[in-house]
Amino acid sequence: MKNVLLIFSLFCFLTLDSWANIQAQLSYSTFYSPSSGPYIEIYLYFNGEKVSYKKGDSGYYSEISVDYQFLVEGKLKKDASFIVNSPIVGDTVHALPNFLIQHRISLSNGEYDMKVILKDMNSDNPELETVERVKLNYNEELLTLSDIELTQSAEPSTESGMFQKSGFMILPYTSEIIPGDLSQIGFYTELYNADKVIGLDSAFLITYYVEEYDGGKLVSNFRGFSRKKASRVNVIIGKFMVGDLPGGNYNIKIDVINKQNQLLASKSIAFHKESQAETSGESDLSGSFVDRYQSIDSLSLHIDYLQPIADRLEWEFAENQLEAQNFDLMKKFFLNFWQVRNQADPEREWYEYLKQVKIVNENFNSRIRPGYQSDRGIKYLKYGPPEERYESFDEPHAYPYEIWYYHQVNNQTNKRIVFYNPSLVLNDYVLLHSDIFGEIYNKDWNLILHRMSPGYYEGETPRVPDAFGDKTDDFMRGK
């Protein structure tokens, strides 16, 4: 399940354009049907207060045109159009209900740019448009899990309807953010081809659990399992009681395990659990350090400073705040970011980090980019200052380079990062190689570093020539 128009609070919608009156959450999941092939399921959750209404025979309702275009390298491969009506209301004076719709569209395997265009048919306001990359890759012979769909509820049902699937009425949950006062969250996924891979009617186990987003540590008391018999399509449904789950970033992970206790397939989906303070708005009370911001430009810059230390989910939230430019929500996000790291004193945590940002801006600025956006600045902010830093500016036949040495980083010991300056004149060193897990590992880093050497090639094979003054090996060994 992919959430495209992410939000910071469950009922606070994000629009792509400030002049568009439609506000909606968009998310989607991909699945596979043995009879008709791959398809995408798209969920749209509209803010009922932000659409226009017209009077009909039974009351007032809104009309929204929804167009989907699936493109490959700019060429249209498939499109679909729908008219969506809101629930009918007696008047437009009282609170207007939000409403959820779902569409299913068959697609061939492949990667697409999915363009979604929304237009309020009762308004002269411009269309709302977004584009997202969608990938479908289902094989009829391989054991495969579909996307994981987060759900509000999943009840057995024989009725027909847009939310009916595999004998259940599945009501999707369209956000990656779970409010602090929400007691449970469910999930739905499908396993394909277990009959071929495991053996028809053979027993296997599904385990599902919540793990911390960073590091994958299992969260105690958030685990379940289900015993299954292999079939062409196995439906997997579960839920977690998340009322007591602390605020933070997590994954729901699903594993498929055979009788030999071997892991056969796995899938996960990330989510953010709000703290009670986030949900209640207590984090926005006057008197907090973020309330002293008077300029949205200053706050935008400070949110941008967070990228080196934010995880993927946090940075997606941050990008949404920077795009929407809602001053209050930006303050709320910024305060929560630092409360997660230091609940007792988030302001101190921020100012300690700001000191480090100033250091990298002073040392690593270039005419191309500010220091905090440079490769050296990013690694400095992410891992801290290196215990040892070797610099070479005039080594024969080598680009200027630096080797940073860390005795310990992220529970790893004796790790190094190599930067070099292929431009020669700018102070813009780029990351060339690192043996820190998760960073770029380049076995040919020394060859690339010495491309200036006249002895770089011996025949058609690149080689590092022996050169007087070459210190790279010594630096890598920490001499």
Protein backbone atom coordinates (compact mmCIF):
# COMPACT_ATOMS: atom_id res chain seq x y z
CA MET A 1 0.00 0.00 0.00
CA LYS A 2 1.40 3.37 -0.97
CA ASN A 3 0.10 6.62 0.49
CA VAL A 4 0.74 9.47 -1.90
CA LEU A 5 -0.86 12.52 -0.35
CA LEU A 6 0.51 12.02 3.14
CA ILE A 7 -0.91 14.00 6.03
CA PHE A 8 0.39 14.99 9.44
CA SER A 9 -2.86 14.44 11.29
CA LEU A 10 -5.65 12.05 10.33
CA PHE A 11 -8.21 14.72 9.55
CA CYS A 12 -5.86 17.34 8.16
CA PHE A 13 -5.77 16.93 4.38
CA LEU A 14 -2.95 18.01 2.13
CA THR A 15 -3.64 19.60 -1.26
CA LEU A 16 -1.04 19.91 -3.97
CA ASP A 17 -2.10 23.42 -4.93
CA SER A 18 -3.30 26.15 -2.61
CA TRP A 19 -5.84 27.37 -5.15
CA ALA A 20 -7.53 24.00 -5.57
CA ASN A 21 -10.55 23.57 -3.33
CA ILE A 22 -10.51 19.75 -3.37
CA GLN A 23 -8.67 18.14 -0.49
CA ALA A 24 -8.14 14.38 -0.56
CA GLN A 25 -5.92 11.56 0.60
CA LEU A 26 -4.79 9.20 -2.13
CA SER A 27 -3.37 5.74 -1.53
CA TYR A 28 -3.20 2.53 -3.50
CA SER A 29 -2.30 -1.17 -3.36
CA THR A 30 -1.59 -3.71 -6.09
CA PHE A 31 -2.99 -7.25 -6.22
CA TYR A 32 -3.25 -10.21 -8.59
CA SER A 33 -6.30 -12.10 -9.83
CA PRO A 34 -5.72 -15.63 -11.20
CA SER A 35 -8.55 -15.05 -13.69
CA SER A 36 -7.70 -11.55 -14.93
CA GLY A 37 -4.11 -10.79 -13.90
CA PRO A 38 -2.58 -7.86 -11.99
CA TYR A 39 -4.62 -4.85 -10.94
CA ILE A 40 -4.32 -1.72 -8.87
CA GLU A 41 -6.76 -0.71 -6.16
CA ILE A 42 -6.94 3.05 -5.61
CA TYR A 43 -8.45 4.70 -2.52
CA LEU A 44 -9.54 8.34 -2.34
CA TYR A 45 -10.70 9.89 0.92
CA PHE A 46 -12.30 13.32 0.36
CA ASN A 47 -12.73 16.16 2.82
CA GLY A 48 -16.48 16.82 2.66
CA GLU A 49 -15.99 20.43 3.72
CA LYS A 50 -13.76 21.19 0.72
CA VAL A 51 -16.00 20.28 -2.21
CA SER A 52 -18.89 22.21 -3.77
CA TYR A 53 -22.50 21.02 -3.49
CA LYS A 54 -25.54 21.35 -5.68
CA LYS A 55 -29.18 20.73 -4.87
CA GLY A 56 -30.84 17.57 -6.15
CA ASP A 57 -34.26 15.98 -5.64
CA SER A 58 -33.25 14.35 -2.35
CA GLY A 59 -30.85 16.96 -0.99
CA TYR A 60 -27.39 18.39 -1.64
CA TYR A 61 -24.47 16.46 -3.10
CA SER A 62 -21.10 17.02 -4.76
CA GLU A 63 -19.78 15.65 -8.04
CA ILE A 64 -16.09 15.01 -8.66
CA SER A 65 -14.55 13.73 -11.87
CA VAL A 66 -11.66 11.33 -11.32
CA ASP A 67 -9.32 10.55 -14.21
CA TYR A 68 -6.48 8.02 -14.08
CA GLN A 69 -3.76 7.90 -16.72
CA PHE A 70 -1.02 5.26 -16.77
CA LEU A 71 2.01 6.27 -18.80
CA VAL A 72 5.26 4.58 -19.80
CA GLU A 73 8.02 6.96 -20.90
CA GLY A 74 5.38 9.62 -21.47
CA LYS A 75 3.14 7.43 -23.65
CA LEU A 76 -0.39 6.68 -22.48
CA LYS A 77 -0.91 2.94 -21.95
CA LYS A 78 -4.24 2.94 -20.15
CA ASP A 79 -6.75 5.39 -18.76
CA ALA A 80 -9.99 5.29 -16.82
CA SER A 81 -12.51 7.94 -15.80
CA PHE A 82 -15.16 8.01 -13.08
CA ILE A 83 -17.71 10.39 -11.61
CA VAL A 84 -17.77 10.34 -7.81
CA ASN A 85 -20.76 11.59 -5.82
CA SER A 86 -20.65 12.52 -2.16
CA PRO A 87 -23.30 11.32 0.29
CA ILE A 88 -26.53 13.31 0.05
CA VAL A 89 -27.03 15.82 2.87
CA GLY A 90 -30.07 17.81 3.89
CA ASP A 91 -28.24 21.14 3.98
CA THR A 92 -24.75 22.60 3.66
CA VAL A 93 -24.87 24.65 6.87
CA HIS A 94 -23.99 21.85 9.28
CA ALA A 95 -20.81 19.75 9.25
CA LEU A 96 -20.37 17.89 5.96
CA PRO A 97 -19.17 14.28 6.10
CA ASN A 98 -15.90 13.06 4.60
CA PHE A 99 -16.30 10.21 2.12
CA LEU A 100 -14.23 7.32 0.83
CA ILE A 101 -14.24 5.70 -2.62
CA GLN A 102 -12.28 2.88 -4.23
CA HIS A 103 -11.50 2.00 -7.84
CA ARG A 104 -9.95 -1.15 -9.34
CA ILE A 105 -8.10 -1.00 -12.65
CA SER A 106 -6.47 -3.95 -14.44
CA LEU A 107 -2.87 -3.38 -15.54
CA SER A 108 -0.13 -5.47 -17.11
CA ASN A 109 3.08 -6.01 -15.17
CA GLY A 110 5.43 -3.07 -15.49
CA GLU A 111 6.33 0.38 -14.17
CA TYR A 112 3.96 3.27 -14.80
CA ASP A 113 3.65 6.94 -14.05
CA MET A 114 0.13 7.10 -12.64
CA LYS A 115 -1.43 10.51 -13.15
CA VAL A 116 -4.51 11.24 -11.04
CA ILE A 117 -6.64 14.26 -11.99
CA LEU A 118 -9.48 15.46 -9.74
CA LYS A 119 -12.01 18.13 -10.76
CA ASP A 120 -14.87 19.55 -8.72
CA MET A 121 -17.66 19.62 -11.30
CA ASN A 122 -19.64 22.20 -9.31
CA SER A 123 -16.76 24.66 -9.11
CA ASP A 124 -14.70 26.79 -11.48
CA ASN A 125 -11.52 26.02 -9.55
CA PRO A 126 -8.72 24.32 -11.51
CA GLU A 127 -8.07 20.59 -11.46
CA LEU A 128 -5.98 18.93 -8.77
CA GLU A 129 -3.28 16.68 -10.25
CA THR A 130 -0.57 14.37 -8.94
CA VAL A 131 1.76 11.80 -10.52
CA GLU A 132 3.20 8.74 -8.78
CA ARG A 133 5.36 5.84 -9.91
CA VAL A 134 3.53 2.49 -9.74
CA LYS A 135 5.14 -0.93 -10.17
CA LEU A 136 3.43 -4.29 -10.69
CA ASN A 137 5.46 -7.49 -10.85
CA TYR A 138 3.44 -10.66 -10.35
CA ASN A 139 4.65 -14.06 -11.56
CA GLU A 140 2.26 -17.00 -11.96
CA GLU A 141 4.87 -19.47 -10.71
CA LEU A 142 6.57 -17.67 -7.80
CA LEU A 143 5.41 -17.37 -4.21
CA THR A 144 4.44 -13.71 -3.96
CA LEU A 145 2.77 -11.42 -1.44
CA SER A 146 0.61 -8.56 -2.66
CA ASP A 147 0.96 -5.08 -1.24
CA ILE A 148 -0.21 -4.71 2.35
CA GLU A 149 -3.41 -2.70 2.63
CA LEU A 150 -4.03 -0.99 5.97
CA THR A 151 -7.65 -1.37 7.02
CA GLN A 152 -10.19 0.23 9.30
CA SER A 153 -12.21 -2.99 9.36
CA ALA A 154 -12.49 -6.35 7.62
CA GLU A 155 -15.71 -8.30 8.12
CA PRO A 156 -17.00 -11.46 6.38
CA SER A 157 -19.65 -10.49 3.85
CA THR A 158 -21.52 -11.95 0.90
CA GLU A 159 -22.82 -8.59 -0.27
CA SER A 160 -21.54 -6.88 -3.40
CA GLY A 161 -19.98 -3.42 -3.40
CA MET A 162 -16.82 -1.47 -4.10
CA PHE A 163 -15.20 -2.60 -0.83
CA GLN A 164 -16.05 -6.28 -1.25
CA LYS A 165 -13.03 -8.57 -1.73
CA SER A 166 -12.38 -12.30 -1.17
CA GLY A 167 -15.55 -12.76 0.87
CA PHE A 168 -14.86 -9.77 3.13
CA MET A 169 -16.00 -6.18 3.31
CA ILE A 170 -12.66 -4.38 3.54
CA LEU A 171 -12.74 -0.73 4.57
CA PRO A 172 -9.31 0.74 3.73
CA TYR A 173 -7.35 3.05 6.00
CA THR A 174 -5.83 5.65 3.68
CA SER A 175 -3.00 7.14 5.74
CA GLU A 176 0.37 5.99 7.06
CA ILE A 177 -0.32 8.00 10.22
CA ILE A 178 -2.17 6.42 13.14
CA PRO A 179 -3.56 8.91 15.67
CA GLY A 180 -2.68 8.48 19.32
CA ASP A 181 -6.32 7.89 20.25
CA LEU A 182 -6.96 5.16 17.63
CA SER A 183 -7.26 1.81 19.39
CA GLN A 184 -6.60 -0.58 16.50
CA ILE A 185 -5.27 -0.84 12.96
CA GLY A 186 -5.85 -3.75 10.61
CA PHE A 187 -4.16 -5.09 7.50
CA TYR A 188 -5.04 -7.16 4.45
CA THR A 189 -2.75 -8.92 1.99
CA GLU A 190 -2.85 -11.90 -0.36
CA LEU A 191 -0.35 -14.71 -0.94
CA TYR A 192 -0.21 -16.18 -4.43
CA ASN A 193 0.92 -19.58 -5.77
CA ALA A 194 1.40 -21.32 -2.43
CA ASP A 195 -0.27 -24.38 -4.01
CA LYS A 196 2.54 -24.61 -6.58
CA VAL A 197 5.48 -23.73 -4.35
CA ILE A 198 4.51 -25.27 -1.00
CA GLY A 199 2.10 -27.91 -2.29
CA LEU A 200 -1.69 -27.85 -2.49
CA ASP A 201 -3.26 -28.07 1.00
CA SER A 202 0.17 -28.25 2.64
CA ALA A 203 0.37 -26.49 6.00
CA PHE A 204 2.41 -23.33 6.47
CA LEU A 205 2.57 -20.46 8.93
CA ILE A 206 1.96 -16.73 8.62
CA THR A 207 3.55 -14.56 11.30
CA TYR A 208 2.91 -10.85 11.58
CA TYR A 209 4.41 -8.35 13.96
CA VAL A 210 5.32 -4.71 14.58
CA GLU A 211 8.98 -3.74 14.49
CA GLU A 212 10.78 -0.46 14.98
CA TYR A 213 11.34 1.31 11.68
CA ASP A 214 14.99 1.97 12.46
CA GLY A 215 16.87 -1.23 13.19
CA GLY A 216 13.96 -3.66 12.92
CA LYS A 217 13.73 -4.40 16.65
CA LEU A 218 10.60 -6.40 17.47
CA VAL A 219 8.08 -4.51 19.61
CA SER A 220 6.97 -6.64 22.55
CA ASN A 221 3.34 -7.82 22.63
CA PHE A 222 2.69 -6.86 19.00
CA ARG A 223 2.88 -10.22 17.30
CA GLY A 224 0.45 -12.76 15.89
CA PHE A 225 0.31 -15.82 13.67
CA SER A 226 -2.09 -17.73 11.46
CA ARG A 227 -1.92 -21.33 10.24
CA LYS A 228 -2.82 -21.79 6.59
CA LYS A 229 -3.24 -24.52 3.98
CA ALA A 230 -1.70 -23.72 0.64
CA SER A 231 -4.03 -22.67 -2.17
CA ARG A 232 -3.85 -20.55 -5.31
CA VAL A 233 -4.70 -17.42 -3.29
CA ASN A 234 -4.42 -17.27 0.48
CA VAL A 235 -6.05 -14.28 2.15
CA ILE A 236 -4.20 -12.87 5.17
CA ILE A 237 -6.09 -10.59 7.54
CA GLY A 238 -5.04 -9.36 10.96
CA LYS A 239 -5.08 -6.42 13.32
CA PHE A 240 -3.12 -4.86 16.15
CA MET A 241 -4.40 -3.07 19.23
CA VAL A 242 -2.22 0.04 19.02
CA GLY A 243 -3.71 2.20 21.77
CA ASP A 244 -0.69 1.60 24.02
CA LEU A 245 1.93 1.67 21.25
CA PRO A 246 4.29 4.61 21.95
CA GLY A 247 4.58 7.37 19.38
CA GLY A 248 7.19 6.69 16.71
CA ASN A 249 7.90 5.08 13.35
CA TYR A 250 7.25 1.37 12.82
CA ASN A 251 6.79 -1.40 10.26
CA ILE A 252 4.06 -4.00 10.11
CA LYS A 253 5.87 -7.06 8.76
CA ILE A 254 4.39 -10.31 7.44
CA ASP A 255 6.46 -13.50 7.03
CA VAL A 256 5.57 -16.76 5.26
CA ILE A 257 7.24 -19.78 6.93
CA ASN A 258 7.12 -23.44 5.90
CA LYS A 259 7.10 -26.56 8.11
CA GLN A 260 10.91 -26.61 8.06
CA ASN A 261 10.86 -23.13 9.66
CA GLN A 262 12.27 -21.57 6.49
CA LEU A 263 11.32 -18.03 5.53
CA LEU A 264 9.72 -18.19 2.08
CA ALA A 265 8.41 -14.65 1.58
CA SER A 266 8.15 -11.40 3.48
CA LYS A 267 6.46 -8.01 3.11
CA SER A 268 6.29 -4.88 5.24
CA ILE A 269 4.59 -1.49 5.37
CA ALA A 270 5.73 1.55 7.33
CA PHE A 271 3.52 3.71 9.53
CA HIS A 272 3.82 6.52 12.04
CA LYS A 273 2.06 6.25 15.39
CA GLU A 274 1.24 9.66 16.81
CA SER A 275 1.77 10.33 20.47
CA GLN A 276 -1.21 11.55 22.47
CA ALA A 277 0.33 15.03 22.43
CA GLU A 278 0.49 15.03 18.62
CA THR A 279 -3.12 13.92 18.26
CA SER A 280 -4.54 16.25 20.91
CA GLY A 281 -2.57 19.22 19.64
CA GLU A 282 -0.80 19.70 22.96
CA SER A 283 2.48 19.92 21.07
CA ASP A 284 1.22 23.19 19.55
CA LEU A 285 0.58 24.95 22.87
CA SER A 286 2.03 28.41 23.09
CA GLY A 287 5.26 28.60 25.01
CA SER A 288 7.06 25.85 23.11
CA PHE A 289 10.24 26.86 21.32
CA VAL A 290 8.65 26.38 17.87
CA ASP A 291 6.02 28.98 18.72
CA ARG A 292 8.76 31.61 18.62
CA TYR A 293 9.13 31.20 14.85
CA GLN A 294 7.82 34.30 13.09
CA SER A 295 9.03 33.48 9.57
CA ILE A 296 7.85 30.49 7.57
CA ASP A 297 11.05 30.77 5.50
CA SER A 298 13.22 30.26 8.58
CA LEU A 299 11.19 27.26 9.69
CA SER A 300 11.32 25.80 6.16
CA LEU A 301 15.11 26.06 6.18
CA HIS A 302 15.35 24.42 9.60
CA ILE A 303 13.08 21.57 8.51
CA ASP A 304 15.33 21.11 5.47
CA TYR A 305 18.28 20.79 7.87
CA LEU A 306 16.71 17.56 9.19
CA GLN A 307 17.19 15.42 6.09
CA PRO A 308 20.55 13.85 7.10
CA ILE A 309 19.13 12.50 10.37
CA ALA A 310 15.50 11.87 9.41
CA ASP A 311 14.43 8.35 8.47
CA ARG A 312 12.56 7.78 5.20
CA LEU A 313 9.11 8.09 6.73
CA GLU A 314 9.98 11.25 8.65
CA TRP A 315 11.45 12.83 5.55
CA GLU A 316 8.34 12.06 3.51
CA PHE A 317 6.33 13.87 6.17
CA ALA A 318 8.82 16.74 6.10
CA GLU A 319 8.62 17.08 2.32
CA ASN A 320 4.84 17.25 2.57
CA GLN A 321 5.08 20.05 5.12
CA LEU A 322 7.57 21.96 2.98
CA GLU A 323 5.28 21.61 -0.03
CA ALA A 324 2.04 22.53 1.74
CA GLN A 325 3.60 25.51 3.61
CA ASN A 326 1.05 25.35 6.43
CA PHE A 327 2.84 27.26 9.18
CA ASP A 328 1.00 25.63 12.10
CA LEU A 329 1.46 22.09 10.78
CA MET A 330 5.13 22.78 10.07
CA LYS A 331 5.59 23.89 13.68
CA LYS A 332 3.80 20.80 14.91
CA PHE A 333 5.94 18.51 12.78
CA PHE A 334 9.17 20.21 13.83
CA LEU A 335 8.35 20.02 17.53
CA ASN A 336 7.32 16.38 17.31
CA PHE A 337 10.53 15.51 15.44
CA TRP A 338 12.60 16.70 18.39
CA GLN A 339 10.23 15.38 21.06
CA VAL A 340 10.74 11.88 19.65
CA ARG A 341 14.48 12.33 20.24
CA ASN A 342 14.27 14.11 23.59
CA GLN A 343 10.84 14.24 25.19
CA ALA A 344 12.14 16.05 28.26
CA ASP A 345 13.98 18.83 26.43
CA PRO A 346 13.32 18.92 22.65
CA GLU A 347 14.57 22.50 22.41
CA ARG A 348 18.00 21.59 23.72
CA GLU A 349 18.18 18.64 21.33
CA TRP A 350 17.43 20.93 18.40
CA TYR A 351 20.00 23.55 19.36
CA GLU A 352 22.69 20.92 19.85
CA TYR A 353 21.99 19.70 16.33
CA LEU A 354 21.93 23.27 15.00
CA LYS A 355 25.48 23.72 16.31
CA GLN A 356 26.56 20.80 14.14
CA VAL A 357 24.76 22.27 11.12
CA LYS A 358 26.67 25.52 11.58
CA ILE A 359 29.94 23.58 11.68
CA VAL A 360 29.27 21.80 8.38
CA ASN A 361 28.05 25.02 6.76
CA GLU A 362 31.28 26.76 7.78
CA ASN A 363 33.53 23.92 6.62
CA PHE A 364 31.81 22.30 3.65
CA ASN A 365 30.04 25.13 1.80
CA SER A 366 30.74 25.37 -1.92
CA ARG A 367 29.50 27.41 -4.85
CA ILE A 368 27.30 24.43 -5.77
CA ARG A 369 25.49 23.76 -2.49
CA PRO A 370 25.40 24.70 1.20
CA GLY A 371 27.46 22.59 3.57
CA TYR A 372 24.53 20.70 5.10
CA GLN A 373 23.53 19.44 1.64
CA SER A 374 27.06 18.35 0.67
CA ASP A 375 28.10 14.72 0.94
CA ARG A 376 30.59 15.50 3.69
CA GLY A 377 28.04 17.60 5.55
CA ILE A 378 25.38 14.89 5.33
CA LYS A 379 27.69 12.19 6.71
CA TYR A 380 29.01 14.51 9.42
CA LEU A 381 25.47 15.25 10.61
CA LYS A 382 24.42 11.61 10.30
CA TYR A 383 27.40 9.95 11.98
CA GLY A 384 29.07 12.80 13.85
CA PRO A 385 32.65 14.01 13.41
CA PRO A 386 35.15 11.28 12.48
CA GLU A 387 37.72 10.22 15.06
CA GLU A 388 40.38 10.61 12.39
CA ARG A 389 40.31 12.60 9.16
CA TYR A 390 43.01 12.19 6.52
CA GLU A 391 43.23 14.90 3.85
CA SER A 392 45.27 14.86 0.64
CA PHE A 393 45.36 17.87 -1.65
CA ASP A 394 48.51 17.39 -3.76
CA GLU A 395 49.16 13.68 -4.02
CA PRO A 396 50.71 12.79 -7.41
CA HIS A 397 48.18 11.67 -10.03
CA ALA A 398 45.25 11.51 -7.58
CA TYR A 399 42.26 13.77 -7.18
CA PRO A 400 42.10 15.65 -3.87
CA TYR A 401 40.48 13.31 -1.37
CA GLU A 402 39.60 12.73 2.27
CA ILE A 403 39.29 9.51 4.25
CA TRP A 404 37.23 9.62 7.44
CA TYR A 405 37.75 6.96 10.07
CA TYR A 406 35.20 5.97 12.73
CA HIS A 407 36.15 3.65 15.56
CA GLN A 408 32.47 2.86 16.08
CA VAL A 409 29.33 3.87 14.19
CA ASN A 410 25.86 2.27 14.23
CA ASN A 411 27.17 -0.74 16.20
CA GLN A 412 29.90 -1.25 13.58
CA THR A 413 33.61 -0.87 14.28
CA ASN A 414 36.57 0.43 12.27
CA LYS A 415 34.62 2.00 9.43
CA ARG A 416 35.77 4.45 6.76
CA ILE A 417 34.29 6.92 4.29
CA VAL A 418 36.17 8.14 1.20
CA PHE A 419 35.33 11.48 -0.42
CA TYR A 420 37.06 12.99 -3.45
CA ASN A 421 36.98 16.22 -5.43
CA PRO A 422 36.86 15.48 -9.19
CA SER A 423 36.22 19.17 -9.97
CA LEU A 424 39.66 20.03 -8.50
CA VAL A 425 38.74 23.69 -7.91
CA LEU A 426 35.46 23.60 -5.99
CA ASN A 427 35.13 22.66 -2.34
CA ASP A 428 32.54 20.05 -3.29
CA TYR A 429 33.86 16.64 -2.30
CA VAL A 430 31.56 13.78 -3.24
CA LEU A 431 31.12 10.40 -1.60
CA LEU A 432 33.19 7.76 -3.40
CA HIS A 433 33.20 4.74 -1.09
CA SER A 434 32.30 3.57 2.40
CA ASP A 435 32.32 0.26 4.24
CA ILE A 436 29.55 1.40 6.60
CA PHE A 437 26.53 -0.86 6.12
CA GLY A 438 23.90 0.86 3.99
CA GLU A 439 26.30 3.32 2.38
CA ILE A 440 27.79 3.22 -1.14
CA TYR A 441 30.38 0.46 -1.38
CA ASN A 442 32.68 0.90 -4.38
CA LYS A 443 35.37 -1.74 -4.77
CA ASP A 444 37.01 0.36 -7.52
CA TRP A 445 37.31 3.50 -5.42
CA ASN A 446 41.12 3.57 -5.62
CA LEU A 447 41.06 3.18 -9.40
CA ILE A 448 38.63 6.08 -9.74
CA LEU A 449 40.73 8.19 -7.39
CA HIS A 450 43.80 7.76 -9.64
CA ARG A 451 42.22 8.28 -13.05
CA MET A 452 44.48 11.29 -13.55
CA SER A 453 47.54 9.05 -13.57
CA PRO A 454 49.36 8.46 -16.88
CA GLY A 455 49.81 4.84 -15.78
CA TYR A 456 46.12 4.31 -15.11
CA TYR A 457 45.81 1.86 -18.03
CA GLU A 458 48.09 -1.08 -18.67
CA GLY A 459 46.85 -2.41 -21.99
CA GLU A 460 43.07 -2.32 -21.67
CA THR A 461 43.00 -3.01 -17.94
CA PRO A 462 42.79 -0.08 -15.51
CA ARG A 463 45.28 -0.27 -12.66
CA VAL A 464 46.47 1.87 -9.78
CA PRO A 465 50.03 2.83 -10.72
CA ASP A 466 52.84 2.86 -8.22
CA ALA A 467 53.50 6.51 -7.48
CA PHE A 468 55.81 8.27 -5.09
CA GLY A 469 53.78 9.96 -2.38
CA ASP A 470 50.68 7.75 -2.75
CA LYS A 471 49.21 7.55 0.76
CA THR A 472 45.80 5.99 0.13
CA ASP A 473 46.74 2.54 1.43
CA ASP A 474 48.33 4.04 4.55
CA PHE A 475 45.29 6.21 5.19
CA MET A 476 42.89 3.29 4.75
CA ARG A 477 44.91 1.30 7.28
CA GLY A 478 44.87 4.24 9.65
CA LYS A 479 48.60 4.92 9.59
